[in-house]
Amino acid sequence: MGAFSSCKKDYNCRCDIEYQVNGQVVGKDNTLNTISATTKDQAKSQCVNYETDASYLQQKTVEKHYCSIE
């Protein structure tokens, strides 16, 4: 019996980021990460929108990440 190699492919997950203070957008950025997955649907399940709390110019900030597979 032969060995099976992984059939994973690399997908690009792009996240556009908004920094919000008191509901106002005060800055924007983006990131690009590589996800190794066997299917595009599997990659999409790992490339999701999310929010985090942070500090921006010494103010409580919400980082909103809008992510999708390119």
PDB file of N, CA and C in Angstrom:
ATOM      1  N   MET A   1       0.832  -1.164   0.000  1.00  0.00           N
ATOM      2  CA  MET A   1       0.000   0.000   0.000  1.00  0.00           C
ATOM      3  C   MET A   1       0.888   1.243   0.000  1.00  0.00           C
ATOM      4  N   GLY A   2       0.584   2.211  -0.843  1.00  0.00           N
ATOM      5  CA  GLY A   2       1.394   3.419  -0.930  1.00  0.00           C
ATOM      6  C   GLY A   2       0.962   4.453   0.081  1.00  0.00           C
ATOM      7  N   ALA A   3       1.834   5.367   0.327  1.00  0.00           N
ATOM      8  CA  ALA A   3       1.532   6.453   1.262  1.00  0.00           C
ATOM      9  C   ALA A   3       0.706   7.514   0.547  1.00  0.00           C
ATOM     10  N   PHE A   4      -0.241   8.077   1.262  1.00  0.00           N
ATOM     11  CA  PHE A   4      -1.065   9.136   0.694  1.00  0.00           C
ATOM     12  C   PHE A   4      -0.490  10.483   1.109  1.00  0.00           C
ATOM     13  N   SER A   5      -0.349  11.354   0.132  1.00  0.00           N
ATOM     14  CA  SER A   5       0.140  12.696   0.458  1.00  0.00           C
ATOM     15  C   SER A   5      -1.056  13.610   0.709  1.00  0.00           C
ATOM     16  N   SER A   6      -0.828  14.636   1.440  1.00  0.00           N
ATOM     17  CA  SER A   6      -1.880  15.596   1.746  1.00  0.00           C
ATOM     18  C   SER A   6      -2.275  16.333   0.474  1.00  0.00           C
ATOM     19  N   CYS A   7      -3.552  16.532   0.292  1.00  0.00           N
ATOM     20  CA  CYS A   7      -4.059  17.233  -0.889  1.00  0.00           C
ATOM     21  C   CYS A   7      -4.462  18.662  -0.539  1.00  0.00           C
ATOM     22  N   LYS A   8      -3.770  19.257   0.394  1.00  0.00           N
ATOM     23  CA  LYS A   8      -4.113  20.612   0.814  1.00  0.00           C
ATOM     24  C   LYS A   8      -3.607  21.635  -0.192  1.00  0.00           C
ATOM     25  N   LYS A   9      -4.351  22.711  -0.292  1.00  0.00           N
ATOM     26  CA  LYS A   9      -4.015  23.816  -1.175  1.00  0.00           C
ATOM     27  C   LYS A   9      -3.980  25.081  -0.319  1.00  0.00           C
ATOM     28  N   ASP A  10      -3.192  26.060  -0.724  1.00  0.00           N
ATOM     29  CA  ASP A  10      -3.126  27.326   0.006  1.00  0.00           C
ATOM     30  C   ASP A  10      -4.167  28.305  -0.537  1.00  0.00           C
ATOM     31  N   TYR A  11      -4.898  28.943   0.378  1.00  0.00           N
ATOM     32  CA  TYR A  11      -5.900  29.958   0.042  1.00  0.00           C
ATOM     33  C   TYR A  11      -5.537  31.237   0.782  1.00  0.00           C
ATOM     34  N   ASN A  12      -5.784  32.387   0.148  1.00  0.00           N
ATOM     35  CA  ASN A  12      -5.514  33.678   0.778  1.00  0.00           C
ATOM     36  C   ASN A  12      -6.759  34.183   1.491  1.00  0.00           C
ATOM     37  N   CYS A  13      -6.602  34.487   2.773  1.00  0.00           N
ATOM     38  CA  CYS A  13      -7.675  35.060   3.590  1.00  0.00           C
ATOM     39  C   CYS A  13      -7.343  36.535   3.799  1.00  0.00           C
ATOM     40  N   ARG A  14      -8.139  37.405   3.192  1.00  0.00           N
ATOM     41  CA  ARG A  14      -7.924  38.847   3.323  1.00  0.00           C
ATOM     42  C   ARG A  14      -8.910  39.400   4.342  1.00  0.00           C
ATOM     43  N   CYS A  15      -8.395  40.171   5.287  1.00  0.00           N
ATOM     44  CA  CYS A  15      -9.244  40.819   6.290  1.00  0.00           C
ATOM     45  C   CYS A  15      -9.071  42.331   6.188  1.00  0.00           C
ATOM     46  N   ASP A  16     -10.173  43.024   5.921  1.00  0.00           N
ATOM     47  CA  ASP A  16     -10.194  44.481   5.990  1.00  0.00           C
ATOM     48  C   ASP A  16     -10.588  44.835   7.418  1.00  0.00           C
ATOM     49  N   ILE A  17      -9.817  45.704   8.046  1.00  0.00           N
ATOM     50  CA  ILE A  17      -9.994  46.012   9.464  1.00  0.00           C
ATOM     51  C   ILE A  17     -10.401  47.472   9.625  1.00  0.00           C
ATOM     52  N   GLU A  18     -11.434  47.688  10.442  1.00  0.00           N
ATOM     53  CA  GLU A  18     -11.844  49.035  10.823  1.00  0.00           C
ATOM     54  C   GLU A  18     -11.609  49.202  12.317  1.00  0.00           C
ATOM     55  N   TYR A  19     -11.026  50.328  12.685  1.00  0.00           N
ATOM     56  CA  TYR A  19     -10.847  50.681  14.090  1.00  0.00           C
ATOM     57  C   TYR A  19     -11.926  51.702  14.425  1.00  0.00           C
ATOM     58  N   GLN A  20     -12.787  51.364  15.400  1.00  0.00           N
ATOM     59  CA  GLN A  20     -13.903  52.238  15.747  1.00  0.00           C
ATOM     60  C   GLN A  20     -13.818  52.694  17.201  1.00  0.00           C
ATOM     61  N   VAL A  21     -13.997  54.006  17.393  1.00  0.00           N
ATOM     62  CA  VAL A  21     -14.088  54.600  18.728  1.00  0.00           C
ATOM     63  C   VAL A  21     -15.447  55.287  18.794  1.00  0.00           C
ATOM     64  N   ASN A  22     -16.248  54.920  19.781  1.00  0.00           N
ATOM     65  CA  ASN A  22     -17.597  55.485  19.935  1.00  0.00           C
ATOM     66  C   ASN A  22     -18.417  55.368  18.649  1.00  0.00           C
ATOM     67  N   GLY A  23     -18.276  54.247  17.940  1.00  0.00           N
ATOM     68  CA  GLY A  23     -19.048  54.005  16.725  1.00  0.00           C
ATOM     69  C   GLY A  23     -18.523  54.695  15.482  1.00  0.00           C
ATOM     70  N   GLN A  24     -17.471  55.487  15.610  1.00  0.00           N
ATOM     71  CA  GLN A  24     -16.892  56.198  14.469  1.00  0.00           C
ATOM     72  C   GLN A  24     -15.638  55.481  13.994  1.00  0.00           C
ATOM     73  N   VAL A  25     -15.495  55.329  12.678  1.00  0.00           N
ATOM     74  CA  VAL A  25     -14.289  54.719  12.117  1.00  0.00           C
ATOM     75  C   VAL A  25     -13.154  55.730  12.220  1.00  0.00           C
ATOM     76  N   VAL A  26     -12.079  55.331  12.917  1.00  0.00           N
ATOM     77  CA  VAL A  26     -10.939  56.234  13.111  1.00  0.00           C
ATOM     78  C   VAL A  26      -9.686  55.742  12.395  1.00  0.00           C
ATOM     79  N   GLY A  27      -9.756  54.573  11.786  1.00  0.00           N
ATOM     80  CA  GLY A  27      -8.609  54.045  11.062  1.00  0.00           C
ATOM     81  C   GLY A  27      -8.984  52.765  10.342  1.00  0.00           C
ATOM     82  N   LYS A  28      -8.204  52.452   9.315  1.00  0.00           N
ATOM     83  CA  LYS A  28      -8.433  51.232   8.541  1.00  0.00           C
ATOM     84  C   LYS A  28      -7.098  50.569   8.243  1.00  0.00           C
ATOM     85  N   ASP A  29      -7.151  49.264   8.042  1.00  0.00           N
ATOM     86  CA  ASP A  29      -5.960  48.480   7.715  1.00  0.00           C
ATOM     87  C   ASP A  29      -6.435  47.200   7.042  1.00  0.00           C
ATOM     88  N   ASN A  30      -5.508  46.363   6.627  1.00  0.00           N
ATOM     89  CA  ASN A  30      -5.881  45.053   6.112  1.00  0.00           C
ATOM     90  C   ASN A  30      -4.748  44.076   6.341  1.00  0.00           C
ATOM     91  N   THR A  31      -5.101  42.795   6.330  1.00  0.00           N
ATOM     92  CA  THR A  31      -4.112  41.731   6.472  1.00  0.00           C
ATOM     93  C   THR A  31      -4.386  40.676   5.420  1.00  0.00           C
ATOM     94  N   LEU A  32      -3.371  39.904   5.115  1.00  0.00           N
ATOM     95  CA  LEU A  32      -3.502  38.787   4.182  1.00  0.00           C
ATOM     96  C   LEU A  32      -2.795  37.596   4.811  1.00  0.00           C
ATOM     97  N   ASN A  33      -3.553  36.542   5.072  1.00  0.00           N
ATOM     98  CA  ASN A  33      -3.016  35.337   5.694  1.00  0.00           C
ATOM     99  C   ASN A  33      -3.239  34.147   4.776  1.00  0.00           C
ATOM    100  N   THR A  34      -2.349  33.186   4.847  1.00  0.00           N
ATOM    101  CA  THR A  34      -2.474  31.970   4.052  1.00  0.00           C
ATOM    102  C   THR A  34      -3.076  30.866   4.903  1.00  0.00           C
ATOM    103  N   ILE A  35      -4.105  30.218   4.353  1.00  0.00           N
ATOM    104  CA  ILE A  35      -4.755  29.094   5.016  1.00  0.00           C
ATOM    105  C   ILE A  35      -4.552  27.863   4.145  1.00  0.00           C
ATOM    106  N   SER A  36      -4.044  26.787   4.729  1.00  0.00           N
ATOM    107  CA  SER A  36      -3.910  25.513   4.021  1.00  0.00           C
ATOM    108  C   SER A  36      -5.141  24.674   4.331  1.00  0.00           C
ATOM    109  N   ALA A  37      -5.861  24.270   3.280  1.00  0.00           N
ATOM    110  CA  ALA A  37      -7.088  23.497   3.469  1.00  0.00           C
ATOM    111  C   ALA A  37      -7.283  22.564   2.279  1.00  0.00           C
ATOM    112  N   THR A  38      -8.082  21.523   2.491  1.00  0.00           N
ATOM    113  CA  THR A  38      -8.335  20.570   1.403  1.00  0.00           C
ATOM    114  C   THR A  38      -9.382  21.086   0.431  1.00  0.00           C
ATOM    115  N   THR A  39     -10.312  21.941   0.896  1.00  0.00           N
ATOM    116  CA  THR A  39     -11.328  22.512   0.011  1.00  0.00           C
ATOM    117  C   THR A  39     -11.473  24.004   0.284  1.00  0.00           C
ATOM    118  N   LYS A  40     -12.043  24.715  -0.680  1.00  0.00           N
ATOM    119  CA  LYS A  40     -12.278  26.150  -0.498  1.00  0.00           C
ATOM    120  C   LYS A  40     -13.292  26.381   0.624  1.00  0.00           C
ATOM    121  N   ASP A  41     -14.301  25.507   0.727  1.00  0.00           N
ATOM    122  CA  ASP A  41     -15.282  25.642   1.810  1.00  0.00           C
ATOM    123  C   ASP A  41     -14.618  25.503   3.176  1.00  0.00           C
ATOM    124  N   GLN A  42     -13.662  24.588   3.287  1.00  0.00           N
ATOM    125  CA  GLN A  42     -12.936  24.419   4.549  1.00  0.00           C
ATOM    126  C   GLN A  42     -12.135  25.686   4.861  1.00  0.00           C
ATOM    127  N   ALA A  43     -11.515  26.271   3.841  1.00  0.00           N
ATOM    128  CA  ALA A  43     -10.762  27.513   4.037  1.00  0.00           C
ATOM    129  C   ALA A  43     -11.701  28.646   4.458  1.00  0.00           C
ATOM    130  N   LYS A  44     -12.889  28.721   3.831  1.00  0.00           N
ATOM    131  CA  LYS A  44     -13.863  29.764   4.190  1.00  0.00           C
ATOM    132  C   LYS A  44     -14.286  29.646   5.649  1.00  0.00           C
ATOM    133  N   SER A  45     -14.389  28.420   6.143  1.00  0.00           N
ATOM    134  CA  SER A  45     -14.812  28.232   7.535  1.00  0.00           C
ATOM    135  C   SER A  45     -13.753  28.721   8.525  1.00  0.00           C
ATOM    136  N   GLN A  46     -12.514  28.885   8.053  1.00  0.00           N
ATOM    137  CA  GLN A  46     -11.430  29.385   8.905  1.00  0.00           C
ATOM    138  C   GLN A  46     -11.174  30.879   8.701  1.00  0.00           C
ATOM    139  N   CYS A  47     -11.740  31.433   7.651  1.00  0.00           N
ATOM    140  CA  CYS A  47     -11.543  32.844   7.301  1.00  0.00           C
ATOM    141  C   CYS A  47     -12.854  33.572   7.582  1.00  0.00           C
ATOM    142  N   VAL A  48     -13.039  34.015   8.828  1.00  0.00           N
ATOM    143  CA  VAL A  48     -14.338  34.539   9.256  1.00  0.00           C
ATOM    144  C   VAL A  48     -14.226  35.958   9.813  1.00  0.00           C
ATOM    145  N   ASN A  49     -15.355  36.656   9.813  1.00  0.00           N
ATOM    146  CA  ASN A  49     -15.435  37.990  10.406  1.00  0.00           C
ATOM    147  C   ASN A  49     -15.382  37.870  11.924  1.00  0.00           C
ATOM    148  N   TYR A  50     -14.771  38.847  12.571  1.00  0.00           N
ATOM    149  CA  TYR A  50     -14.753  38.858  14.035  1.00  0.00           C
ATOM    150  C   TYR A  50     -14.436  40.256  14.550  1.00  0.00           C
ATOM    151  N   GLU A  51     -14.706  40.460  15.840  1.00  0.00           N
ATOM    152  CA  GLU A  51     -14.410  41.724  16.514  1.00  0.00           C
ATOM    153  C   GLU A  51     -13.497  41.476  17.701  1.00  0.00           C
ATOM    154  N   THR A  52     -12.643  42.449  17.978  1.00  0.00           N
ATOM    155  CA  THR A  52     -11.815  42.403  19.179  1.00  0.00           C
ATOM    156  C   THR A  52     -11.798  43.790  19.815  1.00  0.00           C
ATOM    157  N   ASP A  53     -11.571  43.826  21.108  1.00  0.00           N
ATOM    158  CA  ASP A  53     -11.392  45.095  21.813  1.00  0.00           C
ATOM    159  C   ASP A  53      -9.910  45.429  21.824  1.00  0.00           C
ATOM    160  N   ALA A  54      -9.609  46.706  21.682  1.00  0.00           N
ATOM    161  CA  ALA A  54      -8.210  47.132  21.648  1.00  0.00           C
ATOM    162  C   ALA A  54      -8.122  48.552  22.203  1.00  0.00           C
ATOM    163  N   SER A  55      -6.960  49.133  22.057  1.00  0.00           N
ATOM    164  CA  SER A  55      -6.740  50.518  22.451  1.00  0.00           C
ATOM    165  C   SER A  55      -6.145  51.251  21.255  1.00  0.00           C
ATOM    166  N   TYR A  56      -6.695  52.400  20.934  1.00  0.00           N
ATOM    167  CA  TYR A  56      -6.216  53.208  19.812  1.00  0.00           C
ATOM    168  C   TYR A  56      -6.122  54.639  20.308  1.00  0.00           C
ATOM    169  N   LEU A  57      -4.944  55.206  20.286  1.00  0.00           N
ATOM    170  CA  LEU A  57      -4.710  56.563  20.793  1.00  0.00           C
ATOM    171  C   LEU A  57      -5.269  56.714  22.206  1.00  0.00           C
ATOM    172  N   GLN A  58      -4.991  55.712  23.033  1.00  0.00           N
ATOM    173  CA  GLN A  58      -5.372  55.675  24.449  1.00  0.00           C
ATOM    174  C   GLN A  58      -6.883  55.707  24.674  1.00  0.00           C
ATOM    175  N   GLN A  59      -7.651  55.235  23.687  1.00  0.00           N
ATOM    176  CA  GLN A  59      -9.099  55.141  23.834  1.00  0.00           C
ATOM    177  C   GLN A  59      -9.526  53.702  23.571  1.00  0.00           C
ATOM    178  N   LYS A  60     -10.608  53.284  24.263  1.00  0.00           N
ATOM    179  CA  LYS A  60     -11.139  51.948  24.021  1.00  0.00           C
ATOM    180  C   LYS A  60     -11.641  51.878  22.580  1.00  0.00           C
ATOM    181  N   THR A  61     -11.196  50.869  21.884  1.00  0.00           N
ATOM    182  CA  THR A  61     -11.473  50.738  20.463  1.00  0.00           C
ATOM    183  C   THR A  61     -12.011  49.352  20.160  1.00  0.00           C
ATOM    184  N   VAL A  62     -12.870  49.274  19.152  1.00  0.00           N
ATOM    185  CA  VAL A  62     -13.328  47.988  18.635  1.00  0.00           C
ATOM    186  C   VAL A  62     -12.672  47.795  17.274  1.00  0.00           C
ATOM    187  N   GLU A  63     -12.000  46.650  17.104  1.00  0.00           N
ATOM    188  CA  GLU A  63     -11.440  46.292  15.800  1.00  0.00           C
ATOM    189  C   GLU A  63     -12.424  45.343  15.127  1.00  0.00           C
ATOM    190  N   LYS A  64     -12.960  45.747  13.981  1.00  0.00           N
ATOM    191  CA  LYS A  64     -13.874  44.896  13.227  1.00  0.00           C
ATOM    192  C   LYS A  64     -13.123  44.341  12.026  1.00  0.00           C
ATOM    193  N   HIS A  65     -13.060  43.024  11.953  1.00  0.00           N
ATOM    194  CA  HIS A  65     -12.349  42.328  10.885  1.00  0.00           C
ATOM    195  C   HIS A  65     -13.371  41.731   9.920  1.00  0.00           C
ATOM    196  N   TYR A  66     -13.341  42.173   8.670  1.00  0.00           N
ATOM    197  CA  TYR A  66     -14.225  41.659   7.626  1.00  0.00           C
ATOM    198  C   TYR A  66     -13.368  40.802   6.699  1.00  0.00           C
ATOM    199  N   CYS A  67     -13.523  39.485   6.796  1.00  0.00           N
ATOM    200  CA  CYS A  67     -12.598  38.560   6.133  1.00  0.00           C
ATOM    201  C   CYS A  67     -13.279  37.746   5.037  1.00  0.00           C
ATOM    202  N   SER A  68     -12.513  37.441   3.988  1.00  0.00           N
ATOM    203  CA  SER A  68     -13.019  36.600   2.906  1.00  0.00           C
ATOM    204  C   SER A  68     -11.848  35.953   2.176  1.00  0.00           C
ATOM    205  N   ILE A  69     -12.137  34.854   1.497  1.00  0.00           N
ATOM    206  CA  ILE A  69     -11.136  34.161   0.686  1.00  0.00           C
ATOM    207  C   ILE A  69     -11.010  34.885  -0.640  1.00  0.00           C
ATOM    208  N   GLU A  70      -9.787  35.170  -1.057  1.00  0.00           N
ATOM    209  CA  GLU A  70      -9.558  35.836  -2.351  1.00  0.00           C
ATOM    210  C   GLU A  70      -9.482  34.815  -3.454  1.00  0.00           C
TER     211      GLU A  70
END
